[in-house]
Amino acid sequence: MRFRIILVLLAFSAVCQAQYSFSGYIDPDEWQNTVYLSVVEDYRKMSGVYSEQIIAKTSADETGFFEFKGNMLDTENRIYRIHVDKCSEVQQDLNHFNGHCSDSEELLFIATNTDTLKLPFSFGNQVFCTIESNNPKANAFVKIDSLKNDMRFAYGEFRSEANRKLNNKKWFKTLQYFGEALKEPIAELYIYSYLSDRSSDLHNYYVEDLKNNIYYDNLKVRLETKYPNAPYTQQYTNELESDRYMLSAPLGNTTFNWRFYLYAILAFSGILNVILLYKFWKHKQSKTEDLKAKLSKQEQVVLEHLLLNKTNKDIAESLFLSVSTVKSHTNNIYKKLNVQSRDNVKSLFTK
């Protein structure tokens, strides 16, 4: 009995002490000594520097050594990124605008809360080129990047349109098969995001491939089976449904229909505006007539002269009245219209 209790306590202790450790070296003469650890939950933002993804930062010592450790990560495989740059913390908000940083070095890897990851210097003191980890999936992205470099070399051999088309067809399938062979669906998403990128030359092949290739449904099943609650799974599902919806939309009269509806809306809006302006004008006219009806005929005549910006003397001369009589009519107009000045009177009768 005691032996069982000891085993349980040892197992519990091992679980409580389980933690990750990500360590490595940078060249302190080339990079800032601040190193960042990010969790990537959006596979469209794997490459780049995004402040909202950063979960920890540490400082490398004088030899360039750094380490992240703790027990706050997910127990399942997730995508993480370690990056360094040449920007001071004061400059980062400016230089990292929209995730872009031209003076940075990054490494994508797969890890869990219990993984150990080491990033030693490679040939020529290059950083983030070699991964040593107890997680066999950790270096999946490094393998994919290596294959993409081979692809770029193949494209560069002959810079012709014919060569580019042949390579597009070949490498689209090569990358797809390679991702499936890794047997790690979140690593496949790295390839999927590249092949389905609308700015890529390969996007046309993706659109055609999506119409009849069951690969995409199989990838969805693999994600739902292995990572049912991961954000990548829901993101992929939503994107797949969206792309297929776009493919199923009729193409023939789409532009015509939209133009027809647009013109109809514009015409309706124009007619409605004319009706509203007419009603406003009629209301204004009716209101003006009601106001004038409050005045005597002589006061209405004086009002017309007031609206022409004539002085009391000018009005008196025009109507063969005395200035005092004009003043009396003007004061009566103010009282009946409930205003205090000529400007107030004008505001009631001008558009």
Protein backbone atom coordinates (compact mmCIF):
# COMPACT_ATOMS: atom_id res chain seq x y z
CA MET A 1 0.00 0.00 0.00
CA ARG A 2 2.78 2.39 0.92
CA PHE A 3 4.56 1.53 -2.32
CA ARG A 4 1.46 2.53 -4.33
CA ILE A 5 1.13 5.81 -2.45
CA ILE A 6 4.78 6.61 -3.15
CA LEU A 7 4.29 5.87 -6.86
CA VAL A 8 1.22 8.13 -6.98
CA LEU A 9 3.09 10.93 -5.20
CA LEU A 10 6.06 10.60 -7.54
CA ALA A 11 3.79 10.68 -10.59
CA PHE A 12 1.92 13.72 -9.23
CA SER A 13 5.21 15.45 -8.48
CA ALA A 14 6.44 14.78 -12.01
CA VAL A 15 3.26 16.28 -13.49
CA CYS A 16 3.46 19.37 -11.27
CA GLN A 17 7.10 19.94 -12.16
CA ALA A 18 6.60 19.34 -15.89
CA GLN A 19 7.66 22.42 -17.79
CA TYR A 20 9.00 23.55 -21.11
CA SER A 21 12.51 24.79 -21.77
CA PHE A 22 13.40 26.61 -24.98
CA SER A 23 17.01 27.76 -25.09
CA GLY A 24 19.62 28.76 -27.62
CA TYR A 25 22.26 31.22 -28.67
CA ILE A 26 22.30 34.45 -30.64
CA ASP A 27 25.19 36.59 -31.75
CA PRO A 28 25.14 39.56 -29.32
CA ASP A 29 27.25 41.62 -31.71
CA GLU A 30 24.61 41.35 -34.43
CA TRP A 31 21.27 41.30 -32.60
CA GLN A 32 19.62 43.11 -29.74
CA ASN A 33 19.87 40.94 -26.63
CA THR A 34 16.07 40.82 -26.19
CA VAL A 35 14.56 37.52 -27.42
CA TYR A 36 10.81 37.03 -27.86
CA LEU A 37 8.58 33.96 -27.60
CA SER A 38 5.21 34.06 -29.37
CA VAL A 39 2.31 31.67 -29.72
CA VAL A 40 0.85 31.57 -33.24
CA GLU A 41 -2.90 30.91 -33.21
CA ASP A 42 -3.56 32.34 -36.69
CA TYR A 43 -1.71 30.34 -39.36
CA ARG A 44 -1.98 33.32 -41.72
CA LYS A 45 0.33 35.17 -39.33
CA MET A 46 3.12 32.63 -39.01
CA SER A 47 5.79 34.84 -40.51
CA GLY A 48 6.32 38.32 -39.14
CA VAL A 49 6.43 40.18 -35.84
CA TYR A 50 3.06 40.64 -34.13
CA SER A 51 3.01 42.18 -30.67
CA GLU A 52 -0.32 40.55 -29.79
CA GLN A 53 1.25 37.08 -30.19
CA ILE A 54 4.17 37.64 -27.80
CA ILE A 55 3.82 35.69 -24.54
CA ALA A 56 7.31 36.08 -23.07
CA LYS A 57 10.60 37.85 -23.58
CA THR A 58 14.03 37.34 -22.09
CA SER A 59 17.52 38.79 -22.40
CA ALA A 60 20.53 36.92 -23.75
CA ASP A 61 23.68 37.05 -21.62
CA GLU A 62 27.09 38.22 -22.77
CA THR A 63 27.72 34.89 -24.52
CA GLY A 64 24.41 35.13 -26.40
CA PHE A 65 22.68 32.39 -24.39
CA PHE A 66 18.95 32.75 -23.66
CA GLU A 67 16.26 30.49 -22.21
CA PHE A 68 12.50 30.43 -21.82
CA LYS A 69 11.07 28.09 -19.24
CA GLY A 70 7.81 27.62 -17.38
CA ASN A 71 4.62 25.57 -17.41
CA MET A 72 2.01 27.88 -18.90
CA LEU A 73 1.86 26.50 -22.45
CA ASP A 74 -0.75 24.19 -23.93
CA THR A 75 -0.43 20.47 -23.31
CA GLU A 76 -1.09 19.79 -27.01
CA ASN A 77 1.11 20.70 -29.96
CA ARG A 78 0.89 24.37 -30.87
CA ILE A 79 2.85 26.64 -33.19
CA TYR A 80 5.39 28.88 -31.50
CA ARG A 81 7.88 31.43 -32.78
CA ILE A 82 11.12 32.74 -31.34
CA HIS A 83 12.48 35.92 -32.88
CA VAL A 84 15.19 38.53 -32.44
CA ASP A 85 15.73 41.78 -34.27
CA LYS A 86 17.99 44.79 -34.52
CA CYS A 87 15.40 47.25 -33.24
CA SER A 88 15.49 48.80 -29.79
CA GLU A 89 12.25 48.49 -27.81
CA VAL A 90 11.60 52.21 -28.43
CA GLN A 91 11.75 51.67 -32.21
CA GLN A 92 9.67 48.49 -32.35
CA ASP A 93 6.22 50.05 -32.65
CA LEU A 94 7.39 51.93 -35.74
CA ASN A 95 9.49 49.20 -37.38
CA HIS A 96 7.06 46.35 -36.66
CA PHE A 97 4.09 48.07 -38.28
CA ASN A 98 1.68 45.48 -39.71
CA GLY A 99 3.93 42.61 -38.66
CA HIS A 100 6.78 43.61 -40.95
CA CYS A 101 10.36 43.82 -39.74
CA SER A 102 13.17 43.73 -42.28
CA ASP A 103 15.87 43.39 -39.61
CA SER A 104 14.69 40.31 -37.75
CA GLU A 105 15.35 36.59 -37.56
CA GLU A 106 12.68 34.11 -36.58
CA LEU A 107 12.11 30.41 -36.06
CA LEU A 108 8.78 28.59 -36.19
CA PHE A 109 8.46 25.32 -34.32
CA ILE A 110 5.91 22.94 -32.82
CA ALA A 111 5.98 22.32 -29.07
CA THR A 112 3.99 21.41 -25.96
CA ASN A 113 4.21 22.45 -22.34
CA THR A 114 6.69 19.65 -21.53
CA ASP A 115 9.11 20.00 -24.46
CA THR A 116 12.80 20.78 -24.40
CA LEU A 117 14.12 22.74 -27.35
CA LYS A 118 17.71 23.81 -28.02
CA LEU A 119 18.87 26.15 -30.77
CA PRO A 120 22.66 25.98 -31.03
CA PHE A 121 24.79 28.04 -33.38
CA SER A 122 25.07 26.50 -36.83
CA PHE A 123 27.80 26.94 -39.43
CA GLY A 124 29.17 30.50 -39.44
CA ASN A 125 27.39 31.41 -36.19
CA GLN A 126 24.04 31.45 -37.97
CA VAL A 127 21.05 31.52 -35.61
CA PHE A 128 17.85 29.48 -35.65
CA CYS A 129 18.99 27.00 -38.31
CA THR A 130 19.24 23.85 -36.19
CA ILE A 131 16.69 22.42 -33.76
CA GLU A 132 17.35 19.83 -31.09
CA SER A 133 14.15 18.75 -29.36
CA ASN A 134 12.48 15.82 -27.65
CA ASN A 135 9.40 16.57 -29.82
CA PRO A 136 9.86 14.86 -33.23
CA LYS A 137 7.45 17.40 -34.79
CA ALA A 138 9.45 20.43 -33.64
CA ASN A 139 11.45 20.87 -36.83
CA ALA A 140 8.57 20.34 -39.32
CA PHE A 141 8.62 23.98 -40.38
CA VAL A 142 12.39 23.92 -40.91
CA LYS A 143 11.92 20.97 -43.28
CA ILE A 144 9.18 22.78 -45.17
CA ASP A 145 11.30 25.93 -45.50
CA SER A 146 14.16 23.83 -46.81
CA LEU A 147 11.88 22.36 -49.49
CA LYS A 148 10.62 25.84 -50.41
CA ASN A 149 14.22 26.96 -50.89
CA ASP A 150 14.72 24.06 -53.31
CA MET A 151 11.62 25.23 -55.12
CA ARG A 152 12.96 28.80 -55.45
CA PHE A 153 16.20 27.44 -56.87
CA ALA A 154 14.26 25.44 -59.46
CA TYR A 155 12.35 28.54 -60.50
CA GLY A 156 15.57 30.49 -60.86
CA GLU A 157 17.27 28.08 -63.28
CA PHE A 158 15.34 29.38 -66.29
CA ARG A 159 13.42 32.62 -65.94
CA SER A 160 10.77 31.98 -68.57
CA GLU A 161 6.99 31.84 -68.53
CA ALA A 162 7.02 28.20 -69.69
CA ASN A 163 9.42 27.19 -66.91
CA ARG A 164 7.34 29.02 -64.32
CA LYS A 165 4.12 27.26 -65.35
CA LEU A 166 5.76 23.83 -65.30
CA ASN A 167 7.23 24.50 -61.87
CA ASN A 168 3.93 25.80 -60.52
CA LYS A 169 2.22 22.54 -61.40
CA LYS A 170 5.08 20.37 -60.11
CA TRP A 171 5.74 22.17 -56.82
CA PHE A 172 2.10 22.60 -55.93
CA LYS A 173 1.69 18.83 -55.70
CA THR A 174 5.17 18.30 -54.26
CA LEU A 175 4.50 20.63 -51.35
CA GLN A 176 1.07 19.10 -50.77
CA TYR A 177 2.41 15.53 -50.69
CA PHE A 178 5.32 16.56 -48.48
CA GLY A 179 2.99 18.14 -45.93
CA GLU A 180 0.80 15.05 -45.77
CA ALA A 181 3.87 12.83 -45.31
CA LEU A 182 4.87 14.81 -42.20
CA LYS A 183 1.79 13.35 -40.46
CA GLU A 184 1.30 16.57 -38.54
CA PRO A 185 -1.79 18.50 -39.68
CA ILE A 186 -0.80 21.85 -38.15
CA ALA A 187 2.45 21.67 -40.13
CA GLU A 188 0.33 21.03 -43.25
CA LEU A 189 -1.42 24.33 -42.53
CA TYR A 190 1.90 26.10 -43.11
CA ILE A 191 1.90 24.70 -46.64
CA TYR A 192 -1.84 25.26 -47.13
CA SER A 193 -1.51 28.94 -46.20
CA TYR A 194 1.28 29.28 -48.78
CA LEU A 195 -0.54 27.48 -51.59
CA SER A 196 -3.86 29.27 -51.00
CA ASP A 197 -2.35 32.74 -50.60
CA ARG A 198 -4.16 35.01 -53.05
CA SER A 199 -0.96 36.91 -53.81
CA SER A 200 0.88 33.72 -54.83
CA ASP A 201 1.27 32.43 -58.39
CA LEU A 202 0.11 29.07 -57.06
CA HIS A 203 -3.31 30.38 -56.04
CA ASN A 204 -4.83 29.57 -59.46
CA TYR A 205 -3.80 25.94 -59.02
CA TYR A 206 -5.33 25.95 -55.56
CA VAL A 207 -8.68 27.19 -56.91
CA GLU A 208 -8.78 24.45 -59.55
CA ASP A 209 -7.53 21.80 -57.12
CA LEU A 210 -10.17 22.69 -54.56
CA LYS A 211 -12.95 21.81 -56.99
CA ASN A 212 -12.31 18.05 -57.08
CA ASN A 213 -9.43 17.08 -54.75
CA ILE A 214 -10.49 15.34 -51.53
CA TYR A 215 -7.15 16.29 -49.93
CA TYR A 216 -8.73 19.35 -48.30
CA ASP A 217 -11.55 17.38 -46.69
CA ASN A 218 -9.04 14.82 -45.46
CA LEU A 219 -6.93 17.56 -43.91
CA LYS A 220 -10.03 18.86 -42.17
CA VAL A 221 -10.71 15.38 -40.75
CA ARG A 222 -7.10 15.09 -39.56
CA LEU A 223 -7.33 18.44 -37.81
CA GLU A 224 -10.69 17.68 -36.20
CA THR A 225 -9.44 14.29 -35.02
CA LYS A 226 -6.13 15.44 -33.56
CA TYR A 227 -6.89 19.05 -32.60
CA PRO A 228 -10.67 19.38 -32.16
CA ASN A 229 -10.40 22.46 -29.92
CA ALA A 230 -7.41 24.21 -31.49
CA PRO A 231 -8.01 27.63 -33.12
CA TYR A 232 -6.34 26.41 -36.33
CA THR A 233 -9.07 23.83 -36.88
CA GLN A 234 -11.93 26.32 -36.80
CA GLN A 235 -9.99 28.82 -38.90
CA TYR A 236 -9.28 26.21 -41.58
CA THR A 237 -12.91 25.03 -41.58
CA ASN A 238 -14.18 28.59 -42.03
CA GLU A 239 -11.72 29.37 -44.82
CA LEU A 240 -12.51 26.15 -46.67
CA GLU A 241 -16.24 26.82 -46.53
CA SER A 242 -15.72 30.41 -47.66
CA ASP A 243 -13.55 29.45 -50.65
CA ARG A 244 -15.98 26.75 -51.74
CA TYR A 245 -18.89 29.13 -51.45
CA MET A 246 -17.09 31.56 -53.75
CA LEU A 247 -16.44 28.77 -56.25
CA SER A 248 -20.10 27.73 -56.24
CA ALA A 249 -21.38 31.25 -56.91
CA PRO A 250 -22.61 31.76 -60.50
CA LEU A 251 -20.15 33.72 -62.61
CA GLY A 252 -22.10 34.52 -65.80
CA ASN A 253 -24.40 37.41 -64.91
CA THR A 254 -22.96 38.33 -61.52
CA THR A 255 -21.50 41.64 -62.72
CA PHE A 256 -24.64 42.54 -64.64
CA ASN A 257 -26.89 41.78 -61.69
CA TRP A 258 -24.81 43.85 -59.32
CA ARG A 259 -24.78 46.74 -61.75
CA PHE A 260 -28.52 46.47 -62.22
CA TYR A 261 -29.13 46.55 -58.47
CA LEU A 262 -26.68 49.39 -58.05
CA TYR A 263 -28.34 51.48 -60.72
CA ALA A 264 -31.77 50.69 -59.27
CA ILE A 265 -30.66 51.80 -55.82
CA LEU A 266 -29.15 55.00 -57.22
CA ALA A 267 -32.32 55.77 -59.20
CA PHE A 268 -34.53 55.11 -56.19
CA SER A 269 -32.28 57.28 -54.04
CA GLY A 270 -32.44 60.11 -56.58
CA ILE A 271 -36.24 59.97 -56.79
CA LEU A 272 -36.53 59.85 -53.02
CA ASN A 273 -34.28 62.90 -52.67
CA VAL A 274 -36.40 64.85 -55.19
CA ILE A 275 -39.57 63.95 -53.29
CA LEU A 276 -38.05 64.96 -49.97
CA LEU A 277 -36.77 68.26 -51.39
CA TYR A 278 -40.19 69.01 -52.85
CA LYS A 279 -41.91 68.26 -49.55
CA PHE A 280 -39.40 70.44 -47.73
CA TRP A 281 -40.00 73.28 -50.20
CA LYS A 282 -43.79 72.96 -49.84
CA HIS A 283 -43.47 72.93 -46.06
CA LYS A 284 -41.26 76.01 -46.22
CA GLN A 285 -43.73 77.78 -48.50
CA SER A 286 -46.64 76.89 -46.25
CA LYS A 287 -44.76 78.07 -43.19
CA THR A 288 -43.84 81.34 -44.92
CA GLU A 289 -47.44 81.98 -45.91
CA ASP A 290 -48.61 81.29 -42.35
CA LEU A 291 -46.11 83.77 -40.98
CA LYS A 292 -47.08 86.47 -43.45
CA ALA A 293 -50.77 85.92 -42.62
CA LYS A 294 -50.07 87.19 -39.09
CA LEU A 295 -49.15 90.61 -40.49
CA SER A 296 -51.29 93.41 -41.85
CA LYS A 297 -51.01 94.31 -45.54
CA GLN A 298 -48.88 97.35 -44.76
CA GLU A 299 -46.63 95.28 -42.52
CA GLN A 300 -46.26 92.68 -45.27
CA VAL A 301 -45.11 95.41 -47.66
CA VAL A 302 -42.58 96.66 -45.09
CA LEU A 303 -41.45 93.05 -44.57
CA GLU A 304 -40.65 92.67 -48.28
CA HIS A 305 -38.42 95.74 -48.09
CA LEU A 306 -36.75 94.47 -44.92
CA LEU A 307 -35.89 91.23 -46.68
CA LEU A 308 -34.21 93.33 -49.42
CA ASN A 309 -31.86 94.78 -46.75
CA LYS A 310 -33.25 98.29 -47.10
CA THR A 311 -32.79 100.80 -44.28
CA ASN A 312 -35.72 102.42 -42.50
CA LYS A 313 -35.01 105.65 -44.42
CA ASP A 314 -35.02 103.84 -47.78
CA ILE A 315 -38.29 102.07 -46.92
CA ALA A 316 -39.86 105.36 -45.84
CA GLU A 317 -38.91 107.01 -49.13
CA SER A 318 -40.15 104.05 -51.19
CA LEU A 319 -43.54 103.87 -49.43
CA PHE A 320 -43.95 107.63 -48.86
CA LEU A 321 -44.06 107.10 -45.10
CA SER A 322 -42.27 108.73 -42.22
CA VAL A 323 -39.27 106.96 -40.68
CA SER A 324 -41.10 106.71 -37.35
CA THR A 325 -44.02 104.95 -39.05
CA VAL A 326 -41.63 102.46 -40.65
CA LYS A 327 -40.05 101.86 -37.23
CA SER A 328 -43.49 101.24 -35.75
CA HIS A 329 -44.35 98.72 -38.49
CA THR A 330 -40.97 97.03 -38.01
CA ASN A 331 -41.52 96.66 -34.24
CA ASN A 332 -44.96 95.18 -34.86
CA ILE A 333 -43.44 92.70 -37.29
CA TYR A 334 -40.89 91.66 -34.61
CA LYS A 335 -43.64 91.13 -32.02
CA LYS A 336 -45.98 89.17 -34.31
CA LEU A 337 -43.19 86.93 -35.62
CA ASN A 338 -41.66 86.58 -32.14
CA VAL A 339 -38.17 87.72 -33.20
CA GLN A 340 -35.70 90.31 -31.96
CA SER A 341 -33.86 91.58 -35.04
CA ARG A 342 -33.77 91.87 -38.80
CA ASP A 343 -31.42 88.89 -38.97
CA ASN A 344 -34.02 86.82 -37.14
CA VAL A 345 -36.63 87.91 -39.64
CA LYS A 346 -34.40 86.92 -42.57
CA SER A 347 -33.76 83.48 -41.09
CA LEU A 348 -37.49 82.80 -41.14
CA PHE A 349 -37.93 83.62 -44.82
CA THR A 350 -34.67 82.58 -46.46
CA LYS A 351 -33.88 79.01 -47.64
